[in-house]
Amino acid sequence: MDGDDKQAILLFQEVERLYPYTEWAKRALVMQAYALHKSKAYEESRIAAQRYLDFYPADEDAAYAQYRWRCPITTRSTRSDATRA
């Protein structure tokens, strides 16, 4: 996670904290899930997405949050390439 990702995540969390139940908080929560996933903090991303679904289940971005919540934690295989042959 680079410095810009950390800063973005902190700012999105701060918006959610300062302005709960507003349009800004909704957007910040979706963007938290995105930024956390982008920075490979997969479990935290799933938690943010679930929080969005808990607070705003019928919102227009609920489908995206559900996708983020169900997104696999990793796509890497557990086997090495040498054992696949």
C-alpha atoms as a PDB file:
ATOM      1  CA  MET A   1       0.000   0.000   0.000  1.00  0.00           C
ATOM      2  CA  ASP A   2       1.579   3.273  -1.031  1.00  0.00           C
ATOM      3  CA  GLY A   3       1.209   6.632   0.684  1.00  0.00           C
ATOM      4  CA  ASP A   4      -1.496   7.906  -1.665  1.00  0.00           C
ATOM      5  CA  ASP A   5      -3.658   4.825  -1.043  1.00  0.00           C
ATOM      6  CA  LYS A   6      -3.254   5.164   2.726  1.00  0.00           C
ATOM      7  CA  GLN A   7      -4.131   8.856   2.581  1.00  0.00           C
ATOM      8  CA  ALA A   8      -7.215   8.204   0.450  1.00  0.00           C
ATOM      9  CA  ILE A   9      -8.443   5.472   2.779  1.00  0.00           C
ATOM     10  CA  LEU A  10      -7.949   7.679   5.840  1.00  0.00           C
ATOM     11  CA  LEU A  11      -9.805  10.564   4.203  1.00  0.00           C
ATOM     12  CA  PHE A  12     -12.715   8.342   3.164  1.00  0.00           C
ATOM     13  CA  GLN A  13     -12.931   6.995   6.726  1.00  0.00           C
ATOM     14  CA  GLU A  14     -12.880  10.541   8.085  1.00  0.00           C
ATOM     15  CA  VAL A  15     -15.732  11.624   5.797  1.00  0.00           C
ATOM     16  CA  GLU A  16     -17.783   8.657   6.958  1.00  0.00           C
ATOM     17  CA  ARG A  17     -17.070   9.512  10.586  1.00  0.00           C
ATOM     18  CA  LEU A  18     -17.783  13.251  10.309  1.00  0.00           C
ATOM     19  CA  TYR A  19     -20.871  13.066   8.091  1.00  0.00           C
ATOM     20  CA  PRO A  20     -22.720   9.827   8.911  1.00  0.00           C
ATOM     21  CA  TYR A  21     -25.847   8.936   6.914  1.00  0.00           C
ATOM     22  CA  THR A  22     -25.220  11.585   4.255  1.00  0.00           C
ATOM     23  CA  GLU A  23     -24.615  11.189   0.528  1.00  0.00           C
ATOM     24  CA  TRP A  24     -20.958  11.985   1.205  1.00  0.00           C
ATOM     25  CA  ALA A  25     -20.720   9.160   3.742  1.00  0.00           C
ATOM     26  CA  LYS A  26     -22.299   6.721   1.286  1.00  0.00           C
ATOM     27  CA  ARG A  27     -19.830   7.653  -1.437  1.00  0.00           C
ATOM     28  CA  ALA A  28     -16.910   7.560   0.987  1.00  0.00           C
ATOM     29  CA  LEU A  29     -17.828   4.047   2.097  1.00  0.00           C
ATOM     30  CA  VAL A  30     -17.968   2.756  -1.480  1.00  0.00           C
ATOM     31  CA  MET A  31     -14.663   4.442  -2.234  1.00  0.00           C
ATOM     32  CA  GLN A  32     -13.151   2.934   0.927  1.00  0.00           C
ATOM     33  CA  ALA A  33     -14.033  -0.533  -0.312  1.00  0.00           C
ATOM     34  CA  TYR A  34     -12.513   0.259  -3.708  1.00  0.00           C
ATOM     35  CA  ALA A  35      -9.341   1.840  -2.323  1.00  0.00           C
ATOM     36  CA  LEU A  36      -8.795  -0.974   0.165  1.00  0.00           C
ATOM     37  CA  HIS A  37      -9.203  -3.587  -2.554  1.00  0.00           C
ATOM     38  CA  LYS A  38      -6.871  -1.674  -4.874  1.00  0.00           C
ATOM     39  CA  SER A  39      -4.240  -1.624  -2.132  1.00  0.00           C
ATOM     40  CA  LYS A  40      -4.693  -5.388  -1.581  1.00  0.00           C
ATOM     41  CA  ALA A  41      -6.297  -5.015   1.847  1.00  0.00           C
ATOM     42  CA  TYR A  42      -8.922  -7.541   0.801  1.00  0.00           C
ATOM     43  CA  GLU A  43     -10.478  -8.394   4.148  1.00  0.00           C
ATOM     44  CA  GLU A  44     -10.831  -4.717   5.086  1.00  0.00           C
ATOM     45  CA  SER A  45     -12.384  -4.100   1.675  1.00  0.00           C
ATOM     46  CA  ARG A  46     -14.942  -6.839   2.322  1.00  0.00           C
ATOM     47  CA  ILE A  47     -15.748  -5.322   5.730  1.00  0.00           C
ATOM     48  CA  ALA A  48     -16.307  -1.864   4.209  1.00  0.00           C
ATOM     49  CA  ALA A  49     -18.505  -3.348   1.489  1.00  0.00           C
ATOM     50  CA  GLN A  50     -20.543  -5.283   4.063  1.00  0.00           C
ATOM     51  CA  ARG A  51     -20.986  -2.134   6.150  1.00  0.00           C
ATOM     52  CA  TYR A  52     -22.295  -0.370   3.038  1.00  0.00           C
ATOM     53  CA  LEU A  53     -24.761  -3.200   2.413  1.00  0.00           C
ATOM     54  CA  ASP A  54     -25.880  -3.105   6.042  1.00  0.00           C
ATOM     55  CA  PHE A  55     -26.551   0.660   5.967  1.00  0.00           C
ATOM     56  CA  TYR A  56     -27.766   1.103   2.380  1.00  0.00           C
ATOM     57  CA  PRO A  57     -29.145  -2.218   1.044  1.00  0.00           C
ATOM     58  CA  ALA A  58     -31.424  -0.631  -1.562  1.00  0.00           C
ATOM     59  CA  ASP A  59     -29.031   2.044  -2.801  1.00  0.00           C
ATOM     60  CA  GLU A  60     -27.899   2.233  -6.425  1.00  0.00           C
ATOM     61  CA  ASP A  61     -24.339   1.229  -5.451  1.00  0.00           C
ATOM     62  CA  ALA A  62     -25.437  -1.814  -3.449  1.00  0.00           C
ATOM     63  CA  ALA A  63     -24.733  -4.090  -6.410  1.00  0.00           C
ATOM     64  CA  TYR A  64     -21.150  -2.831  -6.579  1.00  0.00           C
ATOM     65  CA  ALA A  65     -20.745  -3.275  -2.821  1.00  0.00           C
ATOM     66  CA  GLN A  66     -22.105  -6.799  -3.080  1.00  0.00           C
ATOM     67  CA  TYR A  67     -19.618  -7.533  -5.882  1.00  0.00           C
ATOM     68  CA  ARG A  68     -16.783  -6.154  -3.735  1.00  0.00           C
ATOM     69  CA  TRP A  69     -18.024  -8.189  -0.769  1.00  0.00           C
ATOM     70  CA  ARG A  70     -18.025 -11.400  -2.810  1.00  0.00           C
ATOM     71  CA  CYS A  71     -14.787 -10.656  -4.641  1.00  0.00           C
ATOM     72  CA  PRO A  72     -12.237 -13.413  -4.062  1.00  0.00           C
ATOM     73  CA  ILE A  73      -9.494 -12.568  -1.609  1.00  0.00           C
ATOM     74  CA  THR A  74      -6.768 -13.622  -3.985  1.00  0.00           C
ATOM     75  CA  THR A  75      -6.514 -14.982  -7.475  1.00  0.00           C
ATOM     76  CA  ARG A  76      -3.095 -16.530  -7.041  1.00  0.00           C
ATOM     77  CA  SER A  77      -2.849 -20.292  -7.101  1.00  0.00           C
ATOM     78  CA  THR A  78      -1.529 -22.111  -4.077  1.00  0.00           C
ATOM     79  CA  ARG A  79       0.523 -24.435  -6.274  1.00  0.00           C
ATOM     80  CA  SER A  80       3.759 -23.390  -7.908  1.00  0.00           C
ATOM     81  CA  ASP A  81       4.162 -23.497 -11.682  1.00  0.00           C
ATOM     82  CA  ALA A  82       6.706 -26.340 -11.341  1.00  0.00           C
ATOM     83  CA  THR A  83       4.141 -28.699  -9.813  1.00  0.00           C
ATOM     84  CA  ARG A  84       1.586 -28.115 -12.569  1.00  0.00           C
ATOM     85  CA  ALA A  85       3.572 -29.922 -15.271  1.00  0.00           C
END
